[in-house]
Amino acid sequence: MHDHPGTPQAGNSEPPCSDDGRQGDEHDVALQNVRAVMSWYRQEIFRERQSGEANRARLEQLTAALRECVADQQALEQAGPEEAERITTLYKTRYAALTKE
């Protein structure tokens, strides 16, 4: 499997973008962090479905979490700078927790 930019890797607790302002405005940074978490959930959903005995409860949890990400991604379209910063912080923390070994 090839590594792709922006694709979360196991053991990597840093999202592909930080909130230091060098990567773009608050909305861009928030969007990149949301997308990193979405990618992680999509990967896990795929892995769960590919396993011989998919855990239905886990699939439901992963799918619900992915839906939350989609809602936050859509909310960013109307979000002000403070809300974008809040979403960035939330998703950086979530990404770190998800990718922690």
PDB file of N, CA and C in Angstrom:
ATOM      1  N   MET A   1       0.841  -1.181   0.000  1.00  0.00           N
ATOM      2  CA  MET A   1       0.000   0.000   0.000  1.00  0.00           C
ATOM      3  C   MET A   1       0.879   1.233   0.000  1.00  0.00           C
ATOM      4  N   HIS A   2       0.519   2.230  -0.787  1.00  0.00           N
ATOM      5  CA  HIS A   2       1.295   3.452  -0.882  1.00  0.00           C
ATOM      6  C   HIS A   2       0.758   4.481   0.093  1.00  0.00           C
ATOM      7  N   ASP A   3       1.660   5.265   0.644  1.00  0.00           N
ATOM      8  CA  ASP A   3       1.253   6.362   1.521  1.00  0.00           C
ATOM      9  C   ASP A   3       0.841   7.533   0.660  1.00  0.00           C
ATOM     10  N   HIS A   4      -0.239   8.190   1.047  1.00  0.00           N
ATOM     11  CA  HIS A   4      -0.717   9.354   0.331  1.00  0.00           C
ATOM     12  C   HIS A   4      -0.690  10.539   1.275  1.00  0.00           C
ATOM     13  N   PRO A   5      -0.340  11.722   0.775  1.00  0.00           N
ATOM     14  CA  PRO A   5      -0.363  12.899   1.649  1.00  0.00           C
ATOM     15  C   PRO A   5      -1.749  13.089   2.242  1.00  0.00           C
ATOM     16  N   GLY A   6      -1.779  13.401   3.529  1.00  0.00           N
ATOM     17  CA  GLY A   6      -3.048  13.635   4.187  1.00  0.00           C
ATOM     18  C   GLY A   6      -3.715  12.377   4.697  1.00  0.00           C
ATOM     19  N   THR A   7      -3.140  11.207   4.390  1.00  0.00           N
ATOM     20  CA  THR A   7      -3.715   9.962   4.871  1.00  0.00           C
ATOM     21  C   THR A   7      -3.107   9.655   6.226  1.00  0.00           C
ATOM     22  N   PRO A   8      -3.945   9.466   7.246  1.00  0.00           N
ATOM     23  CA  PRO A   8      -3.397   9.193   8.565  1.00  0.00           C
ATOM     24  C   PRO A   8      -2.655   7.865   8.590  1.00  0.00           C
ATOM     25  N   GLN A   9      -1.566   7.834   9.299  1.00  0.00           N
ATOM     26  CA  GLN A   9      -0.787   6.617   9.447  1.00  0.00           C
ATOM     27  C   GLN A   9      -0.840   6.182  10.902  1.00  0.00           C
ATOM     28  N   ALA A  10      -0.876   4.890  11.116  1.00  0.00           N
ATOM     29  CA  ALA A  10      -0.903   4.359  12.477  1.00  0.00           C
ATOM     30  C   ALA A  10       0.297   4.886  13.242  1.00  0.00           C
ATOM     31  N   GLY A  11       0.047   5.312  14.463  1.00  0.00           N
ATOM     32  CA  GLY A  11       1.122   5.784  15.314  1.00  0.00           C
ATOM     33  C   GLY A  11       1.483   7.242  15.094  1.00  0.00           C
ATOM     34  N   ASN A  12       0.877   7.885  14.120  1.00  0.00           N
ATOM     35  CA  ASN A  12       1.150   9.290  13.851  1.00  0.00           C
ATOM     36  C   ASN A  12       0.056  10.116  14.505  1.00  0.00           C
ATOM     37  N   SER A  13       0.380  10.794  15.597  1.00  0.00           N
ATOM     38  CA  SER A  13      -0.641  11.520  16.340  1.00  0.00           C
ATOM     39  C   SER A  13      -0.769  12.971  15.908  1.00  0.00           C
ATOM     40  N   GLU A  14      -0.076  13.383  14.883  1.00  0.00           N
ATOM     41  CA  GLU A  14      -0.179  14.746  14.383  1.00  0.00           C
ATOM     42  C   GLU A  14      -1.048  14.766  13.138  1.00  0.00           C
ATOM     43  N   PRO A  15      -2.066  15.636  13.116  1.00  0.00           N
ATOM     44  CA  PRO A  15      -2.849  15.775  11.896  1.00  0.00           C
ATOM     45  C   PRO A  15      -1.974  16.385  10.808  1.00  0.00           C
ATOM     46  N   PRO A  16      -2.395  16.311   9.556  1.00  0.00           N
ATOM     47  CA  PRO A  16      -1.543  16.793   8.481  1.00  0.00           C
ATOM     48  C   PRO A  16      -1.346  18.293   8.476  1.00  0.00           C
ATOM     49  N   CYS A  17      -2.066  19.006   9.311  1.00  0.00           N
ATOM     50  CA  CYS A  17      -1.962  20.456   9.316  1.00  0.00           C
ATOM     51  C   CYS A  17      -2.061  20.975  10.738  1.00  0.00           C
ATOM     52  N   SER A  18      -1.256  21.942  11.070  1.00  0.00           N
ATOM     53  CA  SER A  18      -1.330  22.540  12.398  1.00  0.00           C
ATOM     54  C   SER A  18      -2.108  23.838  12.323  1.00  0.00           C
ATOM     55  N   ASP A  19      -2.344  24.447  13.473  1.00  0.00           N
ATOM     56  CA  ASP A  19      -3.093  25.701  13.495  1.00  0.00           C
ATOM     57  C   ASP A  19      -2.177  26.895  13.716  1.00  0.00           C
ATOM     58  N   ASP A  20      -0.963  26.836  13.203  1.00  0.00           N
ATOM     59  CA  ASP A  20      -0.016  27.913  13.413  1.00  0.00           C
ATOM     60  C   ASP A  20      -0.173  29.054  12.401  1.00  0.00           C
ATOM     61  N   GLY A  21      -1.163  28.952  11.520  1.00  0.00           N
ATOM     62  CA  GLY A  21      -1.427  30.016  10.576  1.00  0.00           C
ATOM     63  C   GLY A  21      -0.636  29.935   9.290  1.00  0.00           C
ATOM     64  N   ARG A  22       0.372  29.096   9.228  1.00  0.00           N
ATOM     65  CA  ARG A  22       1.190  29.014   8.024  1.00  0.00           C
ATOM     66  C   ARG A  22       0.522  28.197   6.926  1.00  0.00           C
ATOM     67  N   GLN A  23      -0.462  27.410   7.249  1.00  0.00           N
ATOM     68  CA  GLN A  23      -1.101  26.536   6.275  1.00  0.00           C
ATOM     69  C   GLN A  23      -2.355  27.160   5.662  1.00  0.00           C
ATOM     70  N   GLY A  24      -2.753  28.320   6.071  1.00  0.00           N
ATOM     71  CA  GLY A  24      -3.948  28.947   5.534  1.00  0.00           C
ATOM     72  C   GLY A  24      -4.769  29.528   6.654  1.00  0.00           C
ATOM     73  N   ASP A  25      -5.933  30.054   6.298  1.00  0.00           N
ATOM     74  CA  ASP A  25      -6.768  30.668   7.325  1.00  0.00           C
ATOM     75  C   ASP A  25      -7.420  29.615   8.220  1.00  0.00           C
ATOM     76  N   GLU A  26      -8.162  30.074   9.209  1.00  0.00           N
ATOM     77  CA  GLU A  26      -8.759  29.178  10.206  1.00  0.00           C
ATOM     78  C   GLU A  26      -9.649  28.120   9.576  1.00  0.00           C
ATOM     79  N   HIS A  27     -10.386  28.494   8.554  1.00  0.00           N
ATOM     80  CA  HIS A  27     -11.297  27.555   7.911  1.00  0.00           C
ATOM     81  C   HIS A  27     -10.537  26.444   7.193  1.00  0.00           C
ATOM     82  N   ASP A  28      -9.479  26.808   6.495  1.00  0.00           N
ATOM     83  CA  ASP A  28      -8.678  25.805   5.789  1.00  0.00           C
ATOM     84  C   ASP A  28      -8.037  24.820   6.764  1.00  0.00           C
ATOM     85  N   VAL A  29      -7.515  25.360   7.854  1.00  0.00           N
ATOM     86  CA  VAL A  29      -6.876  24.516   8.865  1.00  0.00           C
ATOM     87  C   VAL A  29      -7.905  23.570   9.484  1.00  0.00           C
ATOM     88  N   ALA A  30      -9.060  24.109   9.842  1.00  0.00           N
ATOM     89  CA  ALA A  30     -10.119  23.287  10.423  1.00  0.00           C
ATOM     90  C   ALA A  30     -10.551  22.205   9.444  1.00  0.00           C
ATOM     91  N   LEU A  31     -10.732  22.568   8.194  1.00  0.00           N
ATOM     92  CA  LEU A  31     -11.163  21.617   7.180  1.00  0.00           C
ATOM     93  C   LEU A  31     -10.151  20.491   7.008  1.00  0.00           C
ATOM     94  N   GLN A  32      -8.882  20.822   6.998  1.00  0.00           N
ATOM     95  CA  GLN A  32      -7.853  19.789   6.863  1.00  0.00           C
ATOM     96  C   GLN A  32      -7.857  18.831   8.048  1.00  0.00           C
ATOM     97  N   ASN A  33      -8.078  19.359   9.237  1.00  0.00           N
ATOM     98  CA  ASN A  33      -8.126  18.504  10.423  1.00  0.00           C
ATOM     99  C   ASN A  33      -9.364  17.617  10.423  1.00  0.00           C
ATOM    100  N   VAL A  34     -10.508  18.163  10.015  1.00  0.00           N
ATOM    101  CA  VAL A  34     -11.728  17.365   9.913  1.00  0.00           C
ATOM    102  C   VAL A  34     -11.525  16.251   8.882  1.00  0.00           C
ATOM    103  N   ARG A  35     -10.934  16.582   7.754  1.00  0.00           N
ATOM    104  CA  ARG A  35     -10.704  15.580   6.703  1.00  0.00           C
ATOM    105  C   ARG A  35      -9.759  14.473   7.161  1.00  0.00           C
ATOM    106  N   ALA A  36      -8.776  14.812   7.974  1.00  0.00           N
ATOM    107  CA  ALA A  36      -7.862  13.791   8.490  1.00  0.00           C
ATOM    108  C   ALA A  36      -8.616  12.789   9.362  1.00  0.00           C
ATOM    109  N   VAL A  37      -9.500  13.285  10.208  1.00  0.00           N
ATOM    110  CA  VAL A  37     -10.292  12.409  11.074  1.00  0.00           C
ATOM    111  C   VAL A  37     -11.265  11.593  10.229  1.00  0.00           C
ATOM    112  N   MET A  38     -11.890  12.222   9.243  1.00  0.00           N
ATOM    113  CA  MET A  38     -12.799  11.495   8.355  1.00  0.00           C
ATOM    114  C   MET A  38     -12.067  10.357   7.647  1.00  0.00           C
ATOM    115  N   SER A  39     -10.875  10.628   7.207  1.00  0.00           N
ATOM    116  CA  SER A  39     -10.077   9.607   6.537  1.00  0.00           C
ATOM    117  C   SER A  39      -9.804   8.430   7.471  1.00  0.00           C
ATOM    118  N   TRP A  40      -9.501   8.732   8.725  1.00  0.00           N
ATOM    119  CA  TRP A  40      -9.251   7.665   9.702  1.00  0.00           C
ATOM    120  C   TRP A  40     -10.513   6.803   9.866  1.00  0.00           C
ATOM    121  N   TYR A  41     -11.659   7.453  10.025  1.00  0.00           N
ATOM    122  CA  TYR A  41     -12.900   6.693  10.184  1.00  0.00           C
ATOM    123  C   TYR A  41     -13.207   5.864   8.942  1.00  0.00           C
ATOM    124  N   ARG A  42     -13.012   6.424   7.771  1.00  0.00           N
ATOM    125  CA  ARG A  42     -13.259   5.667   6.532  1.00  0.00           C
ATOM    126  C   ARG A  42     -12.359   4.445   6.441  1.00  0.00           C
ATOM    127  N   GLN A  43     -11.102   4.624   6.817  1.00  0.00           N
ATOM    128  CA  GLN A  43     -10.152   3.500   6.820  1.00  0.00           C
ATOM    129  C   GLN A  43     -10.619   2.403   7.769  1.00  0.00           C
ATOM    130  N   GLU A  44     -11.046   2.794   8.953  1.00  0.00           N
ATOM    131  CA  GLU A  44     -11.495   1.811   9.941  1.00  0.00           C
ATOM    132  C   GLU A  44     -12.785   1.115   9.507  1.00  0.00           C
ATOM    133  N   ILE A  45     -13.689   1.849   8.887  1.00  0.00           N
ATOM    134  CA  ILE A  45     -14.916   1.244   8.367  1.00  0.00           C
ATOM    135  C   ILE A  45     -14.563   0.218   7.302  1.00  0.00           C
ATOM    136  N   PHE A  46     -13.654   0.575   6.414  1.00  0.00           N
ATOM    137  CA  PHE A  46     -13.217  -0.353   5.370  1.00  0.00           C
ATOM    138  C   PHE A  46     -12.595  -1.604   5.985  1.00  0.00           C
ATOM    139  N   ARG A  47     -11.695  -1.409   6.943  1.00  0.00           N
ATOM    140  CA  ARG A  47     -11.045  -2.560   7.600  1.00  0.00           C
ATOM    141  C   ARG A  47     -12.062  -3.454   8.292  1.00  0.00           C
ATOM    142  N   GLU A  48     -13.021  -2.846   8.958  1.00  0.00           N
ATOM    143  CA  GLU A  48     -14.032  -3.624   9.671  1.00  0.00           C
ATOM    144  C   GLU A  48     -14.873  -4.434   8.692  1.00  0.00           C
ATOM    145  N   ARG A  49     -15.245  -3.820   7.591  1.00  0.00           N
ATOM    146  CA  ARG A  49     -16.046  -4.531   6.585  1.00  0.00           C
ATOM    147  C   ARG A  49     -15.268  -5.641   5.914  1.00  0.00           C
ATOM    148  N   GLN A  50     -13.952  -5.448   5.787  1.00  0.00           N
ATOM    149  CA  GLN A  50     -13.121  -6.453   5.143  1.00  0.00           C
ATOM    150  C   GLN A  50     -12.772  -7.619   6.065  1.00  0.00           C
ATOM    151  N   SER A  51     -12.921  -7.412   7.359  1.00  0.00           N
ATOM    152  CA  SER A  51     -12.614  -8.492   8.293  1.00  0.00           C
ATOM    153  C   SER A  51     -13.644  -9.603   8.113  1.00  0.00           C
ATOM    154  N   GLY A  52     -13.257 -10.791   8.410  1.00  0.00           N
ATOM    155  CA  GLY A  52     -14.149 -11.933   8.235  1.00  0.00           C
ATOM    156  C   GLY A  52     -15.417 -11.841   9.062  1.00  0.00           C
ATOM    157  N   GLU A  53     -15.310 -11.225  10.224  1.00  0.00           N
ATOM    158  CA  GLU A  53     -16.453 -11.139  11.126  1.00  0.00           C
ATOM    159  C   GLU A  53     -16.604  -9.696  11.591  1.00  0.00           C
ATOM    160  N   ALA A  54     -17.239  -8.889  10.760  1.00  0.00           N
ATOM    161  CA  ALA A  54     -17.403  -7.476  11.087  1.00  0.00           C
ATOM    162  C   ALA A  54     -18.254  -7.311  12.343  1.00  0.00           C
ATOM    163  N   ASN A  55     -17.806  -6.447  13.218  1.00  0.00           N
ATOM    164  CA  ASN A  55     -18.519  -6.126  14.451  1.00  0.00           C
ATOM    165  C   ASN A  55     -19.552  -5.044  14.124  1.00  0.00           C
ATOM    166  N   ARG A  56     -20.818  -5.428  14.102  1.00  0.00           N
ATOM    167  CA  ARG A  56     -21.891  -4.507  13.708  1.00  0.00           C
ATOM    168  C   ARG A  56     -21.932  -3.274  14.609  1.00  0.00           C
ATOM    169  N   ALA A  57     -21.759  -3.442  15.894  1.00  0.00           N
ATOM    170  CA  ALA A  57     -21.796  -2.302  16.820  1.00  0.00           C
ATOM    171  C   ALA A  57     -20.660  -1.330  16.521  1.00  0.00           C
ATOM    172  N   ARG A  58     -19.466  -1.861  16.266  1.00  0.00           N
ATOM    173  CA  ARG A  58     -18.326  -1.002  15.935  1.00  0.00           C
ATOM    174  C   ARG A  58     -18.581  -0.267  14.625  1.00  0.00           C
ATOM    175  N   LEU A  59     -19.120  -0.963  13.637  1.00  0.00           N
ATOM    176  CA  LEU A  59     -19.440  -0.310  12.363  1.00  0.00           C
ATOM    177  C   LEU A  59     -20.428   0.837  12.569  1.00  0.00           C
ATOM    178  N   GLU A  60     -21.414   0.613  13.403  1.00  0.00           N
ATOM    179  CA  GLU A  60     -22.406   1.660  13.678  1.00  0.00           C
ATOM    180  C   GLU A  60     -21.759   2.859  14.367  1.00  0.00           C
ATOM    181  N   GLN A  61     -20.859   2.595  15.320  1.00  0.00           N
ATOM    182  CA  GLN A  61     -20.160   3.678  16.014  1.00  0.00           C
ATOM    183  C   GLN A  61     -19.288   4.478  15.042  1.00  0.00           C
ATOM    184  N   LEU A  62     -18.551   3.763  14.212  1.00  0.00           N
ATOM    185  CA  LEU A  62     -17.674   4.424  13.245  1.00  0.00           C
ATOM    186  C   LEU A  62     -18.483   5.249  12.248  1.00  0.00           C
ATOM    187  N   THR A  63     -19.578   4.687  11.781  1.00  0.00           N
ATOM    188  CA  THR A  63     -20.423   5.390  10.821  1.00  0.00           C
ATOM    189  C   THR A  63     -21.049   6.635  11.438  1.00  0.00           C
ATOM    190  N   ALA A  64     -21.514   6.530  12.670  1.00  0.00           N
ATOM    191  CA  ALA A  64     -22.089   7.687  13.358  1.00  0.00           C
ATOM    192  C   ALA A  64     -21.033   8.779  13.546  1.00  0.00           C
ATOM    193  N   ALA A  65     -19.825   8.387  13.910  1.00  0.00           N
ATOM    194  CA  ALA A  65     -18.743   9.362  14.092  1.00  0.00           C
ATOM    195  C   ALA A  65     -18.400  10.033  12.763  1.00  0.00           C
ATOM    196  N   LEU A  66     -18.408   9.259  11.685  1.00  0.00           N
ATOM    197  CA  LEU A  66     -18.141   9.839  10.363  1.00  0.00           C
ATOM    198  C   LEU A  66     -19.228  10.837   9.985  1.00  0.00           C
ATOM    199  N   ARG A  67     -20.465  10.520  10.315  1.00  0.00           N
ATOM    200  CA  ARG A  67     -21.571  11.458  10.035  1.00  0.00           C
ATOM    201  C   ARG A  67     -21.384  12.769  10.799  1.00  0.00           C
ATOM    202  N   GLU A  68     -20.903  12.684  12.038  1.00  0.00           N
ATOM    203  CA  GLU A  68     -20.624  13.892  12.815  1.00  0.00           C
ATOM    204  C   GLU A  68     -19.561  14.742  12.120  1.00  0.00           C
ATOM    205  N   CYS A  69     -18.553  14.074  11.588  1.00  0.00           N
ATOM    206  CA  CYS A  69     -17.496  14.785  10.864  1.00  0.00           C
ATOM    207  C   CYS A  69     -18.066  15.509   9.647  1.00  0.00           C
ATOM    208  N   VAL A  70     -18.929  14.820   8.920  1.00  0.00           N
ATOM    209  CA  VAL A  70     -19.538  15.422   7.738  1.00  0.00           C
ATOM    210  C   VAL A  70     -20.351  16.648   8.140  1.00  0.00           C
ATOM    211  N   ALA A  71     -21.099  16.551   9.225  1.00  0.00           N
ATOM    212  CA  ALA A  71     -21.888  17.686   9.710  1.00  0.00           C
ATOM    213  C   ALA A  71     -20.984  18.856  10.091  1.00  0.00           C
ATOM    214  N   ASP A  72     -19.878  18.572  10.771  1.00  0.00           N
ATOM    215  CA  ASP A  72     -18.943  19.638  11.145  1.00  0.00           C
ATOM    216  C   ASP A  72     -18.283  20.245   9.909  1.00  0.00           C
ATOM    217  N   GLN A  73     -17.978  19.408   8.933  1.00  0.00           N
ATOM    218  CA  GLN A  73     -17.389  19.909   7.692  1.00  0.00           C
ATOM    219  C   GLN A  73     -18.364  20.870   7.007  1.00  0.00           C
ATOM    220  N   GLN A  74     -19.629  20.507   6.977  1.00  0.00           N
ATOM    221  CA  GLN A  74     -20.637  21.384   6.375  1.00  0.00           C
ATOM    222  C   GLN A  74     -20.829  22.652   7.195  1.00  0.00           C
ATOM    223  N   ALA A  75     -20.774  22.533   8.516  1.00  0.00           N
ATOM    224  CA  ALA A  75     -20.936  23.700   9.384  1.00  0.00           C
ATOM    225  C   ALA A  75     -19.811  24.706   9.183  1.00  0.00           C
ATOM    226  N   LEU A  76     -18.650  24.233   8.776  1.00  0.00           N
ATOM    227  CA  LEU A  76     -17.517  25.135   8.550  1.00  0.00           C
ATOM    228  C   LEU A  76     -17.807  26.159   7.456  1.00  0.00           C
ATOM    229  N   GLU A  77     -18.699  25.826   6.543  1.00  0.00           N
ATOM    230  CA  GLU A  77     -19.015  26.758   5.459  1.00  0.00           C
ATOM    231  C   GLU A  77     -19.573  28.075   5.999  1.00  0.00           C
ATOM    232  N   GLN A  78     -20.291  28.004   7.121  1.00  0.00           N
ATOM    233  CA  GLN A  78     -20.907  29.187   7.707  1.00  0.00           C
ATOM    234  C   GLN A  78     -20.211  29.653   8.990  1.00  0.00           C
ATOM    235  N   ALA A  79     -19.186  28.951   9.402  1.00  0.00           N
ATOM    236  CA  ALA A  79     -18.540  29.229  10.683  1.00  0.00           C
ATOM    237  C   ALA A  79     -17.682  30.487  10.633  1.00  0.00           C
ATOM    238  N   GLY A  80     -17.691  31.187  11.754  1.00  0.00           N
ATOM    239  CA  GLY A  80     -16.796  32.320  11.914  1.00  0.00           C
ATOM    240  C   GLY A  80     -15.429  31.825  12.368  1.00  0.00           C
ATOM    241  N   PRO A  81     -14.476  32.727  12.506  1.00  0.00           N
ATOM    242  CA  PRO A  81     -13.119  32.335  12.899  1.00  0.00           C
ATOM    243  C   PRO A  81     -13.055  31.609  14.247  1.00  0.00           C
ATOM    244  N   GLU A  82     -13.848  32.035  15.221  1.00  0.00           N
ATOM    245  CA  GLU A  82     -13.810  31.385  16.534  1.00  0.00           C
ATOM    246  C   GLU A  82     -14.331  29.956  16.454  1.00  0.00           C
ATOM    247  N   GLU A  83     -15.409  29.747  15.715  1.00  0.00           N
ATOM    248  CA  GLU A  83     -15.955  28.392  15.551  1.00  0.00           C
ATOM    249  C   GLU A  83     -14.980  27.511  14.771  1.00  0.00           C
ATOM    250  N   ALA A  84     -14.341  28.065  13.773  1.00  0.00           N
ATOM    251  CA  ALA A  84     -13.344  27.315  13.010  1.00  0.00           C
ATOM    252  C   ALA A  84     -12.181  26.908  13.914  1.00  0.00           C
ATOM    253  N   GLU A  85     -11.776  27.798  14.791  1.00  0.00           N
ATOM    254  CA  GLU A  85     -10.694  27.488  15.729  1.00  0.00           C
ATOM    255  C   GLU A  85     -11.115  26.394  16.706  1.00  0.00           C
ATOM    256  N   ARG A  86     -12.372  26.450  17.168  1.00  0.00           N
ATOM    257  CA  ARG A  86     -12.898  25.428  18.071  1.00  0.00           C
ATOM    258  C   ARG A  86     -12.902  24.059  17.375  1.00  0.00           C
ATOM    259  N   ILE A  87     -13.318  24.042  16.126  1.00  0.00           N
ATOM    260  CA  ILE A  87     -13.353  22.783  15.372  1.00  0.00           C
ATOM    261  C   ILE A  87     -11.936  22.265  15.149  1.00  0.00           C
ATOM    262  N   THR A  88     -11.003  23.160  14.863  1.00  0.00           N
ATOM    263  CA  THR A  88      -9.605  22.746  14.702  1.00  0.00           C
ATOM    264  C   THR A  88      -9.102  22.067  15.967  1.00  0.00           C
ATOM    265  N   THR A  89      -9.324  22.694  17.103  1.00  0.00           N
ATOM    266  CA  THR A  89      -8.866  22.133  18.378  1.00  0.00           C
ATOM    267  C   THR A  89      -9.520  20.780  18.639  1.00  0.00           C
ATOM    268  N   LEU A  90     -10.818  20.709  18.428  1.00  0.00           N
ATOM    269  CA  LEU A  90     -11.552  19.458  18.637  1.00  0.00           C
ATOM    270  C   LEU A  90     -10.998  18.334  17.773  1.00  0.00           C
ATOM    271  N   TYR A  91     -10.769  18.602  16.501  1.00  0.00           N
ATOM    272  CA  TYR A  91     -10.335  17.558  15.587  1.00  0.00           C
ATOM    273  C   TYR A  91      -8.857  17.216  15.719  1.00  0.00           C
ATOM    274  N   LYS A  92      -8.036  18.174  16.112  1.00  0.00           N
ATOM    275  CA  LYS A  92      -6.637  17.841  16.400  1.00  0.00           C
ATOM    276  C   LYS A  92      -6.569  16.881  17.585  1.00  0.00           C
ATOM    277  N   THR A  93      -7.382  17.157  18.610  1.00  0.00           N
ATOM    278  CA  THR A  93      -7.422  16.304  19.795  1.00  0.00           C
ATOM    279  C   THR A  93      -7.973  14.918  19.447  1.00  0.00           C
ATOM    280  N   ARG A  94      -9.042  14.902  18.667  1.00  0.00           N
ATOM    281  CA  ARG A  94      -9.644  13.626  18.272  1.00  0.00           C
ATOM    282  C   ARG A  94      -8.674  12.798  17.433  1.00  0.00           C
ATOM    283  N   TYR A  95      -7.989  13.441  16.490  1.00  0.00           N
ATOM    284  CA  TYR A  95      -7.031  12.738  15.641  1.00  0.00           C
ATOM    285  C   TYR A  95      -5.920  12.121  16.489  1.00  0.00           C
ATOM    286  N   ALA A  96      -5.420  12.903  17.433  1.00  0.00           N
ATOM    287  CA  ALA A  96      -4.351  12.398  18.310  1.00  0.00           C
ATOM    288  C   ALA A  96      -4.843  11.179  19.102  1.00  0.00           C
ATOM    289  N   ALA A  97      -6.060  11.245  19.602  1.00  0.00           N
ATOM    290  CA  ALA A  97      -6.597  10.114  20.366  1.00  0.00           C
ATOM    291  C   ALA A  97      -6.817   8.893  19.480  1.00  0.00           C
ATOM    292  N   LEU A  98      -7.284   9.095  18.263  1.00  0.00           N
ATOM    293  CA  LEU A  98      -7.559   7.973  17.361  1.00  0.00           C
ATOM    294  C   LEU A  98      -6.290   7.291  16.901  1.00  0.00           C
ATOM    295  N   THR A  99      -5.243   8.057  16.706  1.00  0.00           N
ATOM    296  CA  THR A  99      -4.015   7.488  16.153  1.00  0.00           C
ATOM    297  C   THR A  99      -3.006   7.083  17.219  1.00  0.00           C
ATOM    298  N   LYS A 100      -3.382   7.304  18.466  1.00  0.00           N
ATOM    299  CA  LYS A 100      -2.502   6.918  19.559  1.00  0.00           C
ATOM    300  C   LYS A 100      -2.436   5.394  19.625  1.00  0.00           C
ATOM    301  N   GLU A 101      -1.246   4.872  19.778  1.00  0.00           N
ATOM    302  CA  GLU A 101      -1.087   3.412  19.831  1.00  0.00           C
ATOM    303  C   GLU A 101      -1.354   2.867  21.200  1.00  0.00           C
TER     304      GLU A 101
END
